[in-house]
Amino acid sequence: VRAGVFDKTGIMLARKVEPLRLRRP
């Protein structure tokens, strides 16, 4: 999962990434 914070001009001020749990049966 990626989350980004943007100002109203489209500049990304911060971005954080967190891993997901995925099962592969």
PDB file of all heavy atoms in Angstrom:
ATOM      1  N   VAL A   1       0.862  -1.177   0.000  1.00  0.00           N
ATOM      2  CA  VAL A   1       0.000   0.000   0.000  1.00  0.00           C
ATOM      3  C   VAL A   1       0.902   1.231   0.000  1.00  0.00           C
ATOM      4  O   VAL A   1       1.833   1.329   0.802  1.00  0.00           O
ATOM      5  CB  VAL A   1      -0.922   0.033   1.236  1.00  0.00           C
ATOM      6  CG1 VAL A   1      -1.742   1.322   1.253  1.00  0.00           C
ATOM      7  CG2 VAL A   1      -1.837  -1.174   1.264  1.00  0.00           C
ATOM      8  N   ARG A   2       0.613   2.163  -0.908  1.00  0.00           N
ATOM      9  CA  ARG A   2       1.346   3.419  -0.945  1.00  0.00           C
ATOM     10  C   ARG A   2       0.378   4.551  -0.623  1.00  0.00           C
ATOM     11  O   ARG A   2      -0.742   4.582  -1.147  1.00  0.00           O
ATOM     12  CB  ARG A   2       1.990   3.652  -2.316  1.00  0.00           C
ATOM     13  CG  ARG A   2       2.932   2.553  -2.729  1.00  0.00           C
ATOM     14  CD  ARG A   2       3.784   2.940  -3.928  1.00  0.00           C
ATOM     15  NE  ARG A   2       3.017   3.281  -5.103  1.00  0.00           N
ATOM     16  CZ  ARG A   2       2.529   2.384  -5.972  1.00  0.00           C
ATOM     17  NH1 ARG A   2       2.720   1.098  -5.759  1.00  0.00           N
ATOM     18  NH2 ARG A   2       1.862   2.780  -7.046  1.00  0.00           N
ATOM     19  N   ALA A   3       0.818   5.473   0.204  1.00  0.00           N
ATOM     20  CA  ALA A   3       0.030   6.663   0.512  1.00  0.00           C
ATOM     21  C   ALA A   3       0.891   7.888   0.250  1.00  0.00           C
ATOM     22  O   ALA A   3       2.067   7.926   0.633  1.00  0.00           O
ATOM     23  CB  ALA A   3      -0.451   6.649   1.962  1.00  0.00           C
ATOM     24  N   GLY A   4       0.326   8.877  -0.418  1.00  0.00           N
ATOM     25  CA  GLY A   4       1.054  10.100  -0.725  1.00  0.00           C
ATOM     26  C   GLY A   4       0.265  11.324  -0.325  1.00  0.00           C
ATOM     27  O   GLY A   4      -0.969  11.340  -0.435  1.00  0.00           O
ATOM     28  N   VAL A   5       0.973  12.347   0.139  1.00  0.00           N
ATOM     29  CA  VAL A   5       0.362  13.623   0.499  1.00  0.00           C
ATOM     30  C   VAL A   5       0.746  14.645  -0.559  1.00  0.00           C
ATOM     31  O   VAL A   5       1.932  14.811  -0.878  1.00  0.00           O
ATOM     32  CB  VAL A   5       0.824  14.098   1.883  1.00  0.00           C
ATOM     33  CG1 VAL A   5       0.200  15.450   2.225  1.00  0.00           C
ATOM     34  CG2 VAL A   5       0.463  13.065   2.952  1.00  0.00           C
ATOM     35  N   PHE A   6      -0.254  15.330  -1.126  1.00  0.00           N
ATOM     36  CA  PHE A   6      -0.038  16.296  -2.199  1.00  0.00           C
ATOM     37  C   PHE A   6      -0.602  17.657  -1.806  1.00  0.00           C
ATOM     38  O   PHE A   6      -1.641  17.741  -1.141  1.00  0.00           O
ATOM     39  CB  PHE A   6      -0.746  15.845  -3.475  1.00  0.00           C
ATOM     40  CG  PHE A   6      -0.160  14.618  -4.123  1.00  0.00           C
ATOM     41  CD1 PHE A   6      -0.424  13.351  -3.616  1.00  0.00           C
ATOM     42  CD2 PHE A   6       0.646  14.728  -5.239  1.00  0.00           C
ATOM     43  CE1 PHE A   6       0.095  12.218  -4.220  1.00  0.00           C
ATOM     44  CE2 PHE A   6       1.183  13.604  -5.846  1.00  0.00           C
ATOM     45  CZ  PHE A   6       0.909  12.340  -5.338  1.00  0.00           C
ATOM     46  N   ASP A   7       0.085  18.724  -2.258  1.00  0.00           N
ATOM     47  CA  ASP A   7      -0.527  20.044  -2.131  1.00  0.00           C
ATOM     48  C   ASP A   7      -1.405  20.297  -3.347  1.00  0.00           C
ATOM     49  O   ASP A   7      -1.478  19.471  -4.261  1.00  0.00           O
ATOM     50  CB  ASP A   7       0.525  21.136  -1.923  1.00  0.00           C
ATOM     51  CG  ASP A   7       1.386  21.401  -3.159  1.00  0.00           C
ATOM     52  OD1 ASP A   7       1.026  20.972  -4.268  1.00  0.00           O
ATOM     53  OD2 ASP A   7       2.431  22.073  -3.003  1.00  0.00           O
ATOM     54  N   LYS A   8      -2.073  21.432  -3.388  1.00  0.00           N
ATOM     55  CA  LYS A   8      -3.070  21.658  -4.439  1.00  0.00           C
ATOM     56  C   LYS A   8      -2.452  21.906  -5.808  1.00  0.00           C
ATOM     57  O   LYS A   8      -3.154  21.928  -6.812  1.00  0.00           O
ATOM     58  CB  LYS A   8      -3.995  22.798  -4.054  1.00  0.00           C
ATOM     59  CG  LYS A   8      -3.339  24.172  -3.982  1.00  0.00           C
ATOM     60  CD  LYS A   8      -4.327  25.217  -3.484  1.00  0.00           C
ATOM     61  CE  LYS A   8      -5.518  25.356  -4.394  1.00  0.00           C
ATOM     62  NZ  LYS A   8      -6.476  26.397  -3.928  1.00  0.00           N
ATOM     63  N   THR A   9      -1.118  22.079  -5.875  1.00  0.00           N
ATOM     64  CA  THR A   9      -0.459  22.223  -7.168  1.00  0.00           C
ATOM     65  C   THR A   9       0.054  20.893  -7.710  1.00  0.00           C
ATOM     66  O   THR A   9       0.661  20.846  -8.789  1.00  0.00           O
ATOM     67  CB  THR A   9       0.718  23.202  -7.075  1.00  0.00           C
ATOM     68  OG1 THR A   9       1.773  22.632  -6.293  1.00  0.00           O
ATOM     69  CG2 THR A   9       0.293  24.525  -6.455  1.00  0.00           C
ATOM     70  N   GLY A  10      -0.157  19.795  -6.972  1.00  0.00           N
ATOM     71  CA  GLY A  10       0.258  18.475  -7.430  1.00  0.00           C
ATOM     72  C   GLY A  10       1.629  18.048  -6.953  1.00  0.00           C
ATOM     73  O   GLY A  10       2.126  16.997  -7.376  1.00  0.00           O
ATOM     74  N   ILE A  11       2.263  18.816  -6.092  1.00  0.00           N
ATOM     75  CA  ILE A  11       3.568  18.432  -5.557  1.00  0.00           C
ATOM     76  C   ILE A  11       3.366  17.424  -4.430  1.00  0.00           C
ATOM     77  O   ILE A  11       2.578  17.665  -3.502  1.00  0.00           O
ATOM     78  CB  ILE A  11       4.340  19.658  -5.039  1.00  0.00           C
ATOM     79  CG1 ILE A  11       4.676  20.584  -6.209  1.00  0.00           C
ATOM     80  CG2 ILE A  11       5.623  19.241  -4.317  1.00  0.00           C
ATOM     81  CD1 ILE A  11       5.330  21.887  -5.793  1.00  0.00           C
ATOM     82  N   MET A  12       4.073  16.304  -4.513  1.00  0.00           N
ATOM     83  CA  MET A  12       3.977  15.281  -3.478  1.00  0.00           C
ATOM     84  C   MET A  12       4.947  15.621  -2.351  1.00  0.00           C
ATOM     85  O   MET A  12       6.158  15.695  -2.552  1.00  0.00           O
ATOM     86  CB  MET A  12       4.255  13.893  -4.041  1.00  0.00           C
ATOM     87  CG  MET A  12       4.037  12.777  -3.027  1.00  0.00           C
ATOM     88  SD  MET A  12       3.889  11.122  -3.762  1.00  0.00           S
ATOM     89  CE  MET A  12       5.475  10.951  -4.569  1.00  0.00           C
ATOM     90  N   LEU A  13       4.406  15.812  -1.158  1.00  0.00           N
ATOM     91  CA  LEU A  13       5.207  16.216  -0.004  1.00  0.00           C
ATOM     92  C   LEU A  13       5.760  15.031   0.769  1.00  0.00           C
ATOM     93  O   LEU A  13       6.790  15.152   1.437  1.00  0.00           O
ATOM     94  CB  LEU A  13       4.363  17.087   0.930  1.00  0.00           C
ATOM     95  CG  LEU A  13       3.701  18.312   0.299  1.00  0.00           C
ATOM     96  CD1 LEU A  13       2.884  19.063   1.342  1.00  0.00           C
ATOM     97  CD2 LEU A  13       4.738  19.228  -0.343  1.00  0.00           C
ATOM     98  N   ALA A  14       5.083  13.905   0.711  1.00  0.00           N
ATOM     99  CA  ALA A  14       5.529  12.712   1.441  1.00  0.00           C
ATOM    100  C   ALA A  14       4.884  11.490   0.830  1.00  0.00           C
ATOM    101  O   ALA A  14       3.789  11.559   0.261  1.00  0.00           O
ATOM    102  CB  ALA A  14       5.179  12.822   2.926  1.00  0.00           C
ATOM    103  N   ARG A  15       5.589  10.361   0.943  1.00  0.00           N
ATOM    104  CA  ARG A  15       5.088   9.088   0.409  1.00  0.00           C
ATOM    105  C   ARG A  15       5.546   7.968   1.327  1.00  0.00           C
ATOM    106  O   ARG A  15       6.724   7.895   1.680  1.00  0.00           O
ATOM    107  CB  ARG A  15       5.637   8.868  -1.001  1.00  0.00           C
ATOM    108  CG  ARG A  15       5.262   7.551  -1.686  1.00  0.00           C
ATOM    109  CD  ARG A  15       5.875   7.556  -3.080  1.00  0.00           C
ATOM    110  NE  ARG A  15       5.598   6.352  -3.850  1.00  0.00           N
ATOM    111  CZ  ARG A  15       6.373   5.260  -3.847  1.00  0.00           C
ATOM    112  NH1 ARG A  15       7.473   5.222  -3.112  1.00  0.00           N
ATOM    113  NH2 ARG A  15       6.053   4.223  -4.582  1.00  0.00           N
ATOM    114  N   LYS A  16       4.631   7.112   1.722  1.00  0.00           N
ATOM    115  CA  LYS A  16       4.967   5.994   2.587  1.00  0.00           C
ATOM    116  C   LYS A  16       4.437   4.688   1.983  1.00  0.00           C
ATOM    117  O   LYS A  16       3.371   4.669   1.361  1.00  0.00           O
ATOM    118  CB  LYS A  16       4.366   6.186   3.991  1.00  0.00           C
ATOM    119  CG  LYS A  16       5.025   7.308   4.787  1.00  0.00           C
ATOM    120  CD  LYS A  16       6.496   7.003   5.083  1.00  0.00           C
ATOM    121  CE  LYS A  16       7.156   8.113   5.889  1.00  0.00           C
ATOM    122  NZ  LYS A  16       8.581   7.820   6.172  1.00  0.00           N
ATOM    123  N   VAL A  17       5.194   3.623   2.185  1.00  0.00           N
ATOM    124  CA  VAL A  17       4.863   2.319   1.625  1.00  0.00           C
ATOM    125  C   VAL A  17       4.804   1.297   2.750  1.00  0.00           C
ATOM    126  O   VAL A  17       5.698   1.254   3.606  1.00  0.00           O
ATOM    127  CB  VAL A  17       5.907   1.873   0.577  1.00  0.00           C
ATOM    128  CG1 VAL A  17       5.507   0.526  -0.034  1.00  0.00           C
ATOM    129  CG2 VAL A  17       6.076   2.931  -0.504  1.00  0.00           C
ATOM    130  N   GLU A  18       3.761   0.475   2.751  1.00  0.00           N
ATOM    131  CA  GLU A  18       3.609  -0.586   3.732  1.00  0.00           C
ATOM    132  C   GLU A  18       3.328  -1.903   3.006  1.00  0.00           C
ATOM    133  O   GLU A  18       2.515  -1.944   2.080  1.00  0.00           O
ATOM    134  CB  GLU A  18       2.456  -0.287   4.703  1.00  0.00           C
ATOM    135  CG  GLU A  18       2.674   0.922   5.597  1.00  0.00           C
ATOM    136  CD  GLU A  18       3.750   0.692   6.651  1.00  0.00           C
ATOM    137  OE1 GLU A  18       3.982  -0.488   7.003  1.00  0.00           O
ATOM    138  OE2 GLU A  18       4.349   1.682   7.110  1.00  0.00           O
ATOM    139  N   PRO A  19       3.982  -3.009   3.393  1.00  0.00           N
ATOM    140  CA  PRO A  19       3.775  -4.284   2.702  1.00  0.00           C
ATOM    141  C   PRO A  19       2.434  -4.908   3.035  1.00  0.00           C
ATOM    142  O   PRO A  19       1.880  -4.711   4.127  1.00  0.00           O
ATOM    143  CB  PRO A  19       4.924  -5.155   3.213  1.00  0.00           C
ATOM    144  CG  PRO A  19       5.232  -4.587   4.574  1.00  0.00           C
ATOM    145  CD  PRO A  19       4.990  -3.112   4.469  1.00  0.00           C
ATOM    146  N   LEU A  20       1.919  -5.692   2.082  1.00  0.00           N
ATOM    147  CA  LEU A  20       0.668  -6.419   2.269  1.00  0.00           C
ATOM    148  C   LEU A  20       0.930  -7.901   2.462  1.00  0.00           C
ATOM    149  O   LEU A  20       1.887  -8.451   1.912  1.00  0.00           O
ATOM    150  CB  LEU A  20      -0.242  -6.244   1.043  1.00  0.00           C
ATOM    151  CG  LEU A  20      -1.026  -4.945   0.913  1.00  0.00           C
ATOM    152  CD1 LEU A  20      -1.759  -4.923  -0.419  1.00  0.00           C
ATOM    153  CD2 LEU A  20      -2.010  -4.775   2.060  1.00  0.00           C
ATOM    154  N   ARG A  21       0.044  -8.544   3.209  1.00  0.00           N
ATOM    155  CA  ARG A  21       0.096  -9.999   3.345  1.00  0.00           C
ATOM    156  C   ARG A  21      -0.699 -10.603   2.189  1.00  0.00           C
ATOM    157  O   ARG A  21      -1.861 -10.295   1.985  1.00  0.00           O
ATOM    158  CB  ARG A  21      -0.512 -10.418   4.685  1.00  0.00           C
ATOM    159  CG  ARG A  21      -0.489 -11.932   4.916  1.00  0.00           C
ATOM    160  CD  ARG A  21      -1.203 -12.308   6.204  1.00  0.00           C
ATOM    161  NE  ARG A  21      -0.465 -11.861   7.376  1.00  0.00           N
ATOM    162  CZ  ARG A  21      -0.872 -10.908   8.191  1.00  0.00           C
ATOM    163  NH1 ARG A  21      -2.014 -10.266   7.953  1.00  0.00           N
ATOM    164  NH2 ARG A  21      -0.152 -10.562   9.233  1.00  0.00           N
ATOM    165  N   LEU A  22      -0.059 -11.475   1.425  1.00  0.00           N
ATOM    166  CA  LEU A  22      -0.677 -12.122   0.275  1.00  0.00           C
ATOM    167  C   LEU A  22      -0.496 -13.624   0.384  1.00  0.00           C
ATOM    168  O   LEU A  22       0.626 -14.105   0.547  1.00  0.00           O
ATOM    169  CB  LEU A  22      -0.046 -11.608  -1.026  1.00  0.00           C
ATOM    170  CG  LEU A  22      -0.407 -12.345  -2.326  1.00  0.00           C
ATOM    171  CD1 LEU A  22      -1.901 -12.228  -2.612  1.00  0.00           C
ATOM    172  CD2 LEU A  22       0.414 -11.780  -3.492  1.00  0.00           C
ATOM    173  N   ARG A  23      -1.581 -14.352   0.298  1.00  0.00           N
ATOM    174  CA  ARG A  23      -1.528 -15.815   0.307  1.00  0.00           C
ATOM    175  C   ARG A  23      -1.578 -16.323  -1.123  1.00  0.00           C
ATOM    176  O   ARG A  23      -2.407 -15.878  -1.920  1.00  0.00           O
ATOM    177  CB  ARG A  23      -2.703 -16.372   1.110  1.00  0.00           C
ATOM    178  CG  ARG A  23      -2.764 -17.898   1.148  1.00  0.00           C
ATOM    179  CD  ARG A  23      -3.890 -18.374   2.069  1.00  0.00           C
ATOM    180  NE  ARG A  23      -3.978 -19.833   2.051  1.00  0.00           N
ATOM    181  CZ  ARG A  23      -4.828 -20.525   1.293  1.00  0.00           C
ATOM    182  NH1 ARG A  23      -5.695 -19.882   0.506  1.00  0.00           N
ATOM    183  NH2 ARG A  23      -4.841 -21.843   1.318  1.00  0.00           N
ATOM    184  N   ARG A  24      -0.685 -17.250  -1.469  1.00  0.00           N
ATOM    185  CA  ARG A  24      -0.634 -17.809  -2.822  1.00  0.00           C
ATOM    186  C   ARG A  24      -0.927 -19.302  -2.752  1.00  0.00           C
ATOM    187  O   ARG A  24      -0.019 -20.131  -2.672  1.00  0.00           O
ATOM    188  CB  ARG A  24       0.748 -17.575  -3.449  1.00  0.00           C
ATOM    189  CG  ARG A  24       1.145 -16.118  -3.635  1.00  0.00           C
ATOM    190  CD  ARG A  24       0.266 -15.410  -4.640  1.00  0.00           C
ATOM    191  NE  ARG A  24       0.373 -16.004  -5.961  1.00  0.00           N
ATOM    192  CZ  ARG A  24       1.196 -15.577  -6.915  1.00  0.00           C
ATOM    193  NH1 ARG A  24       2.002 -14.556  -6.670  1.00  0.00           N
ATOM    194  NH2 ARG A  24       1.222 -16.162  -8.094  1.00  0.00           N
ATOM    195  N   PRO A  25      -2.216 -19.704  -2.757  1.00  0.00           N
ATOM    196  CA  PRO A  25      -2.549 -21.130  -2.662  1.00  0.00           C
ATOM    197  C   PRO A  25      -2.280 -21.916  -3.938  1.00  0.00           C
ATOM    198  O   PRO A  25      -2.407 -23.139  -3.943  1.00  0.00           O
ATOM    199  CB  PRO A  25      -4.046 -21.111  -2.339  1.00  0.00           C
ATOM    200  CG  PRO A  25      -4.538 -19.827  -2.902  1.00  0.00           C
ATOM    201  CD  PRO A  25      -3.410 -18.847  -2.746  1.00  0.00           C
TER     202      PRO A  25
END
